[in-house]
Amino acid sequence: MSNIDIEEATKSWHKAPDEHLSLAIKTIENYDPQVRTVIIEEAKNRFGNNFLTETIDDCKQKVASNSVYVGMRRKDYFLTAITFCLLLGAIALIAKENETIILILKIISYPISLALTFYRLKNIGYNGWWALLALVPILCLFVYIPCIVLPEKYKYTHKIDTAGKIISIILIGLLAFVVIGMILGIILFLLGQ
């Protein structure tokens, strides 16, 4: 390996801004192992020993913050779902005994609910087709809970914000309350017989 190769590799490393480290790492892969060693040593001098993990995380954060996201944010999803449920409930109360209207409401509500969930899953970085699991009774929890808890761009950051943590605690409390209620109901039913 010649000194020209080492100097060229070192110069190319210094030209790369910190936030574009992933591009610099791709150029490192084009060099032979000795040149890569020189570049890595230079990077350690510049960024410290754990430069690789820190800078890759920085790149992921930059990509996540600059990406254009489709879909619904958590607040929009939640408010739309609540409004939709209240509207359906009000219409069902008005049409108490008219089974045809109730059937039409059920037929309309499933595609709308799936569409909302589809766009919310896209927003957090999941494949939107996972929304089809919402049609399966117990598995729907694995779809709806991430839709309510996870923040926008979760796929890149893998961090739950404060609101998500608070919502998680509330959901766990509600789930525990439901399970305890079911157990007490079963016990009372068995004692009554």
C-alpha atoms as a PDB file:
ATOM      1  CA  MET A   1       0.000   0.000   0.000  1.00  0.00           C
ATOM      2  CA  SER A   2       1.436   3.332  -0.990  1.00  0.00           C
ATOM      3  CA  ASN A   3       1.490   6.554   0.989  1.00  0.00           C
ATOM      4  CA  ILE A   4      -0.604   8.185  -1.756  1.00  0.00           C
ATOM      5  CA  ASP A   5      -3.463   5.742  -1.061  1.00  0.00           C
ATOM      6  CA  ILE A   6      -3.298   6.482   2.665  1.00  0.00           C
ATOM      7  CA  GLU A   7      -3.258  10.240   2.078  1.00  0.00           C
ATOM      8  CA  GLU A   8      -6.150  10.003  -0.402  1.00  0.00           C
ATOM      9  CA  ALA A   9      -8.178   7.900   2.032  1.00  0.00           C
ATOM     10  CA  THR A  10      -7.478  10.280   4.916  1.00  0.00           C
ATOM     11  CA  LYS A  11      -8.428  13.318   2.792  1.00  0.00           C
ATOM     12  CA  SER A  12     -11.681  11.709   1.689  1.00  0.00           C
ATOM     13  CA  TRP A  13     -12.465  10.973   5.318  1.00  0.00           C
ATOM     14  CA  HIS A  14     -11.841  14.567   6.386  1.00  0.00           C
ATOM     15  CA  LYS A  15     -14.011  15.928   3.565  1.00  0.00           C
ATOM     16  CA  ALA A  16     -17.087  14.062   4.789  1.00  0.00           C
ATOM     17  CA  PRO A  17     -19.215  16.063   7.241  1.00  0.00           C
ATOM     18  CA  ASP A  18     -20.155  14.340  10.481  1.00  0.00           C
ATOM     19  CA  GLU A  19     -23.827  13.978   9.586  1.00  0.00           C
ATOM     20  CA  HIS A  20     -22.972  12.135   6.355  1.00  0.00           C
ATOM     21  CA  LEU A  21     -20.843   9.505   8.027  1.00  0.00           C
ATOM     22  CA  SER A  22     -22.765   6.678   6.429  1.00  0.00           C
ATOM     23  CA  LEU A  23     -21.542   7.862   3.009  1.00  0.00           C
ATOM     24  CA  ALA A  24     -18.004   8.079   4.318  1.00  0.00           C
ATOM     25  CA  ILE A  25     -18.230   4.546   5.683  1.00  0.00           C
ATOM     26  CA  LYS A  26     -19.412   3.330   2.277  1.00  0.00           C
ATOM     27  CA  THR A  27     -16.316   4.878   0.686  1.00  0.00           C
ATOM     28  CA  ILE A  28     -14.148   3.192   3.324  1.00  0.00           C
ATOM     29  CA  GLU A  29     -15.454  -0.201   2.177  1.00  0.00           C
ATOM     30  CA  ASN A  30     -13.970   0.441  -1.269  1.00  0.00           C
ATOM     31  CA  TYR A  31     -10.431   0.566   0.112  1.00  0.00           C
ATOM     32  CA  ASP A  32      -8.253  -2.346   1.129  1.00  0.00           C
ATOM     33  CA  PRO A  33      -8.096  -3.283   4.845  1.00  0.00           C
ATOM     34  CA  GLN A  34      -4.909  -1.309   5.557  1.00  0.00           C
ATOM     35  CA  VAL A  35      -6.424   1.918   4.256  1.00  0.00           C
ATOM     36  CA  ARG A  36      -9.588   1.239   6.251  1.00  0.00           C
ATOM     37  CA  THR A  37      -7.467   0.856   9.382  1.00  0.00           C
ATOM     38  CA  VAL A  38      -5.908   4.269   8.790  1.00  0.00           C
ATOM     39  CA  ILE A  39      -9.317   5.873   8.270  1.00  0.00           C
ATOM     40  CA  ILE A  40     -10.716   4.233  11.406  1.00  0.00           C
ATOM     41  CA  GLU A  41      -7.738   5.433  13.443  1.00  0.00           C
ATOM     42  CA  GLU A  42      -8.278   8.934  12.083  1.00  0.00           C
ATOM     43  CA  ALA A  43     -11.952   8.712  13.030  1.00  0.00           C
ATOM     44  CA  LYS A  44     -11.044   7.574  16.552  1.00  0.00           C
ATOM     45  CA  ASN A  45      -8.787  10.594  16.896  1.00  0.00           C
ATOM     46  CA  ARG A  46     -11.551  12.854  15.647  1.00  0.00           C
ATOM     47  CA  PHE A  47     -14.609  11.385  17.403  1.00  0.00           C
ATOM     48  CA  GLY A  48     -13.335   9.099  20.168  1.00  0.00           C
ATOM     49  CA  ASN A  49     -13.350   5.311  20.477  1.00  0.00           C
ATOM     50  CA  ASN A  50     -17.083   4.805  20.135  1.00  0.00           C
ATOM     51  CA  PHE A  51     -17.342   6.967  17.017  1.00  0.00           C
ATOM     52  CA  LEU A  52     -19.042   4.311  14.926  1.00  0.00           C
ATOM     53  CA  THR A  53     -22.115   3.769  17.110  1.00  0.00           C
ATOM     54  CA  GLU A  54     -22.528   7.453  17.964  1.00  0.00           C
ATOM     55  CA  THR A  55     -22.263   8.677  14.408  1.00  0.00           C
ATOM     56  CA  ILE A  56     -24.521   5.960  12.975  1.00  0.00           C
ATOM     57  CA  ASP A  57     -27.160   6.897  15.581  1.00  0.00           C
ATOM     58  CA  ASP A  58     -26.692  10.551  14.619  1.00  0.00           C
ATOM     59  CA  CYS A  59     -27.216   9.638  10.963  1.00  0.00           C
ATOM     60  CA  LYS A  60     -30.390   7.717  11.822  1.00  0.00           C
ATOM     61  CA  GLN A  61     -31.666  10.729  13.756  1.00  0.00           C
ATOM     62  CA  LYS A  62     -30.898  13.045  10.841  1.00  0.00           C
ATOM     63  CA  VAL A  63     -32.616  10.712   8.379  1.00  0.00           C
ATOM     64  CA  ALA A  64     -35.616  10.400  10.674  1.00  0.00           C
ATOM     65  CA  SER A  65     -35.923  14.140  11.213  1.00  0.00           C
ATOM     66  CA  ASN A  66     -35.625  14.956   7.498  1.00  0.00           C
ATOM     67  CA  SER A  67     -37.858  12.191   6.162  1.00  0.00           C
ATOM     68  CA  VAL A  68     -41.278  12.896   4.792  1.00  0.00           C
ATOM     69  CA  TYR A  69     -43.784  10.750   6.629  1.00  0.00           C
ATOM     70  CA  VAL A  70     -47.151   9.763   5.336  1.00  0.00           C
ATOM     71  CA  GLY A  71     -49.991   8.706   7.516  1.00  0.00           C
ATOM     72  CA  MET A  72     -51.564   9.997  10.690  1.00  0.00           C
ATOM     73  CA  ARG A  73     -49.855  11.297  13.772  1.00  0.00           C
ATOM     74  CA  ARG A  74     -50.814   9.753  17.115  1.00  0.00           C
ATOM     75  CA  LYS A  75     -53.014  12.654  18.214  1.00  0.00           C
ATOM     76  CA  ASP A  76     -54.859  12.762  14.891  1.00  0.00           C
ATOM     77  CA  TYR A  77     -55.396   9.009  14.974  1.00  0.00           C
ATOM     78  CA  PHE A  78     -56.685   9.044  18.528  1.00  0.00           C
ATOM     79  CA  LEU A  79     -59.021  12.025  18.051  1.00  0.00           C
ATOM     80  CA  THR A  80     -60.373  10.693  14.758  1.00  0.00           C
ATOM     81  CA  ALA A  81     -60.997   7.258  16.265  1.00  0.00           C
ATOM     82  CA  ILE A  82     -62.764   8.728  19.318  1.00  0.00           C
ATOM     83  CA  THR A  83     -64.896  11.039  17.148  1.00  0.00           C
ATOM     84  CA  PHE A  84     -65.757   8.164  14.830  1.00  0.00           C
ATOM     85  CA  CYS A  85     -66.773   5.915  17.759  1.00  0.00           C
ATOM     86  CA  LEU A  86     -68.910   8.645  19.322  1.00  0.00           C
ATOM     87  CA  LEU A  87     -70.598   9.339  15.995  1.00  0.00           C
ATOM     88  CA  LEU A  88     -71.341   5.653  15.437  1.00  0.00           C
ATOM     89  CA  GLY A  89     -72.628   5.325  18.997  1.00  0.00           C
ATOM     90  CA  ALA A  90     -74.926   8.328  18.588  1.00  0.00           C
ATOM     91  CA  ILE A  91     -76.350   6.977  15.323  1.00  0.00           C
ATOM     92  CA  ALA A  92     -76.831   3.533  16.911  1.00  0.00           C
ATOM     93  CA  LEU A  93     -78.727   5.111  19.830  1.00  0.00           C
ATOM     94  CA  ILE A  94     -80.985   7.014  17.476  1.00  0.00           C
ATOM     95  CA  ALA A  95     -81.701   3.905  15.398  1.00  0.00           C
ATOM     96  CA  LYS A  96     -82.172   1.610  18.404  1.00  0.00           C
ATOM     97  CA  GLU A  97     -84.402  -0.982  16.883  1.00  0.00           C
ATOM     98  CA  ASN A  98     -83.642  -0.549  13.217  1.00  0.00           C
ATOM     99  CA  GLU A  99     -81.321  -3.483  12.574  1.00  0.00           C
ATOM    100  CA  THR A 100     -80.727  -2.450   8.963  1.00  0.00           C
ATOM    101  CA  ILE A 101     -79.090   0.837   9.984  1.00  0.00           C
ATOM    102  CA  ILE A 102     -76.992  -0.938  12.611  1.00  0.00           C
ATOM    103  CA  LEU A 103     -75.832  -3.467  10.007  1.00  0.00           C
ATOM    104  CA  ILE A 104     -74.934  -0.651   7.591  1.00  0.00           C
ATOM    105  CA  LEU A 105     -72.961   1.065  10.374  1.00  0.00           C
ATOM    106  CA  LYS A 106     -70.998  -2.126  11.025  1.00  0.00           C
ATOM    107  CA  ILE A 107     -70.264  -2.575   7.327  1.00  0.00           C
ATOM    108  CA  ILE A 108     -69.083   1.034   7.021  1.00  0.00           C
ATOM    109  CA  SER A 109     -67.065   1.088  10.244  1.00  0.00           C
ATOM    110  CA  TYR A 110     -64.658  -1.759   9.425  1.00  0.00           C
ATOM    111  CA  PRO A 111     -63.092  -0.259   6.271  1.00  0.00           C
ATOM    112  CA  ILE A 112     -62.843   3.178   7.875  1.00  0.00           C
ATOM    113  CA  SER A 113     -61.195   1.722  10.980  1.00  0.00           C
ATOM    114  CA  LEU A 114     -58.778  -0.290   8.840  1.00  0.00           C
ATOM    115  CA  ALA A 115     -57.896   2.787   6.768  1.00  0.00           C
ATOM    116  CA  LEU A 116     -57.167   4.848   9.893  1.00  0.00           C
ATOM    117  CA  THR A 117     -55.007   2.079  11.321  1.00  0.00           C
ATOM    118  CA  PHE A 118     -53.257   1.555   7.967  1.00  0.00           C
ATOM    119  CA  TYR A 119     -52.178   5.206   7.790  1.00  0.00           C
ATOM    120  CA  ARG A 120     -51.150   5.287  11.441  1.00  0.00           C
ATOM    121  CA  LEU A 121     -48.960   2.200  11.008  1.00  0.00           C
ATOM    122  CA  LYS A 122     -47.319   3.858   7.994  1.00  0.00           C
ATOM    123  CA  ASN A 123     -46.571   6.895  10.145  1.00  0.00           C
ATOM    124  CA  ILE A 124     -44.731   4.928  12.816  1.00  0.00           C
ATOM    125  CA  GLY A 125     -42.748   3.079  10.164  1.00  0.00           C
ATOM    126  CA  TYR A 126     -44.561  -0.258  10.057  1.00  0.00           C
ATOM    127  CA  ASN A 127     -46.089  -1.914   7.042  1.00  0.00           C
ATOM    128  CA  GLY A 128     -49.673  -0.713   6.777  1.00  0.00           C
ATOM    129  CA  TRP A 129     -50.955  -4.153   5.916  1.00  0.00           C
ATOM    130  CA  TRP A 130     -50.521  -5.153   9.555  1.00  0.00           C
ATOM    131  CA  ALA A 131     -53.823  -3.322  10.006  1.00  0.00           C
ATOM    132  CA  LEU A 132     -55.551  -6.490   8.795  1.00  0.00           C
ATOM    133  CA  LEU A 133     -54.665  -8.068  12.152  1.00  0.00           C
ATOM    134  CA  ALA A 134     -57.181  -5.651  13.655  1.00  0.00           C
ATOM    135  CA  LEU A 135     -59.899  -7.946  12.329  1.00  0.00           C
ATOM    136  CA  VAL A 136     -58.736 -10.795  14.594  1.00  0.00           C
ATOM    137  CA  PRO A 137     -60.143 -10.312  18.131  1.00  0.00           C
ATOM    138  CA  ILE A 138     -57.101 -10.823  20.414  1.00  0.00           C
ATOM    139  CA  LEU A 139     -54.421  -9.958  17.856  1.00  0.00           C
ATOM    140  CA  CYS A 140     -55.985  -6.536  17.337  1.00  0.00           C
ATOM    141  CA  LEU A 141     -54.299  -5.449  20.591  1.00  0.00           C
ATOM    142  CA  PHE A 142     -50.904  -5.903  18.900  1.00  0.00           C
ATOM    143  CA  VAL A 143     -52.017  -3.423  16.250  1.00  0.00           C
ATOM    144  CA  TYR A 144     -53.985  -0.842  18.213  1.00  0.00           C
ATOM    145  CA  ILE A 145     -51.598  -0.481  21.162  1.00  0.00           C
ATOM    146  CA  PRO A 146     -48.590   0.490  19.000  1.00  0.00           C
ATOM    147  CA  CYS A 147     -50.840   2.864  17.043  1.00  0.00           C
ATOM    148  CA  ILE A 148     -51.785   4.658  20.255  1.00  0.00           C
ATOM    149  CA  VAL A 149     -48.438   4.476  22.080  1.00  0.00           C
ATOM    150  CA  LEU A 150     -45.650   4.848  19.502  1.00  0.00           C
ATOM    151  CA  PRO A 151     -44.610   8.288  18.261  1.00  0.00           C
ATOM    152  CA  GLU A 152     -44.070   9.369  14.689  1.00  0.00           C
ATOM    153  CA  LYS A 153     -40.841   8.015  13.095  1.00  0.00           C
ATOM    154  CA  TYR A 154     -40.532   5.233  15.692  1.00  0.00           C
ATOM    155  CA  LYS A 155     -38.925   2.936  13.131  1.00  0.00           C
ATOM    156  CA  TYR A 156     -35.804   5.119  13.034  1.00  0.00           C
ATOM    157  CA  THR A 157     -35.564   6.347  16.605  1.00  0.00           C
ATOM    158  CA  HIS A 158     -36.833   3.302  18.560  1.00  0.00           C
ATOM    159  CA  LYS A 159     -37.644   5.655  21.421  1.00  0.00           C
ATOM    160  CA  ILE A 160     -41.005   6.183  23.074  1.00  0.00           C
ATOM    161  CA  ASP A 161     -41.650   9.769  24.080  1.00  0.00           C
ATOM    162  CA  THR A 162     -43.139  10.894  27.407  1.00  0.00           C
ATOM    163  CA  ALA A 163     -46.705  10.917  26.097  1.00  0.00           C
ATOM    164  CA  GLY A 164     -46.259   7.357  24.838  1.00  0.00           C
ATOM    165  CA  LYS A 165     -44.973   6.230  28.234  1.00  0.00           C
ATOM    166  CA  ILE A 166     -47.934   7.828  30.019  1.00  0.00           C
ATOM    167  CA  ILE A 167     -50.379   6.240  27.566  1.00  0.00           C
ATOM    168  CA  SER A 168     -48.645   2.872  28.088  1.00  0.00           C
ATOM    169  CA  ILE A 169     -49.083   3.104  31.859  1.00  0.00           C
ATOM    170  CA  ILE A 170     -52.759   4.015  31.455  1.00  0.00           C
ATOM    171  CA  LEU A 171     -53.344   1.136  29.022  1.00  0.00           C
ATOM    172  CA  ILE A 172     -51.596  -1.355  31.300  1.00  0.00           C
ATOM    173  CA  GLY A 173     -53.730  -0.146  34.213  1.00  0.00           C
ATOM    174  CA  LEU A 174     -56.927  -0.489  32.165  1.00  0.00           C
ATOM    175  CA  LEU A 175     -55.916  -3.936  30.958  1.00  0.00           C
ATOM    176  CA  ALA A 176     -55.179  -5.039  34.547  1.00  0.00           C
ATOM    177  CA  PHE A 177     -58.549  -3.632  35.638  1.00  0.00           C
ATOM    178  CA  VAL A 178     -60.348  -5.587  32.893  1.00  0.00           C
ATOM    179  CA  VAL A 179     -58.522  -8.835  33.720  1.00  0.00           C
ATOM    180  CA  ILE A 180     -59.260  -8.479  37.455  1.00  0.00           C
ATOM    181  CA  GLY A 181     -62.908  -7.710  36.654  1.00  0.00           C
ATOM    182  CA  MET A 182     -63.149 -10.798  34.462  1.00  0.00           C
ATOM    183  CA  ILE A 183     -61.619 -12.995  37.156  1.00  0.00           C
ATOM    184  CA  LEU A 184     -63.952 -11.574  39.828  1.00  0.00           C
ATOM    185  CA  GLY A 185     -66.932 -12.043  37.489  1.00  0.00           C
ATOM    186  CA  ILE A 186     -66.035 -15.676  36.916  1.00  0.00           C
ATOM    187  CA  ILE A 187     -65.580 -16.269  40.653  1.00  0.00           C
ATOM    188  CA  LEU A 188     -68.917 -14.612  41.485  1.00  0.00           C
ATOM    189  CA  PHE A 189     -70.645 -16.593  38.751  1.00  0.00           C
ATOM    190  CA  LEU A 190     -69.219 -19.871  40.058  1.00  0.00           C
ATOM    191  CA  LEU A 191     -70.147 -19.008  43.664  1.00  0.00           C
ATOM    192  CA  GLY A 192     -73.706 -18.164  42.601  1.00  0.00           C
ATOM    193  CA  GLN A 193     -74.323 -21.618  41.196  1.00  0.00           C
END
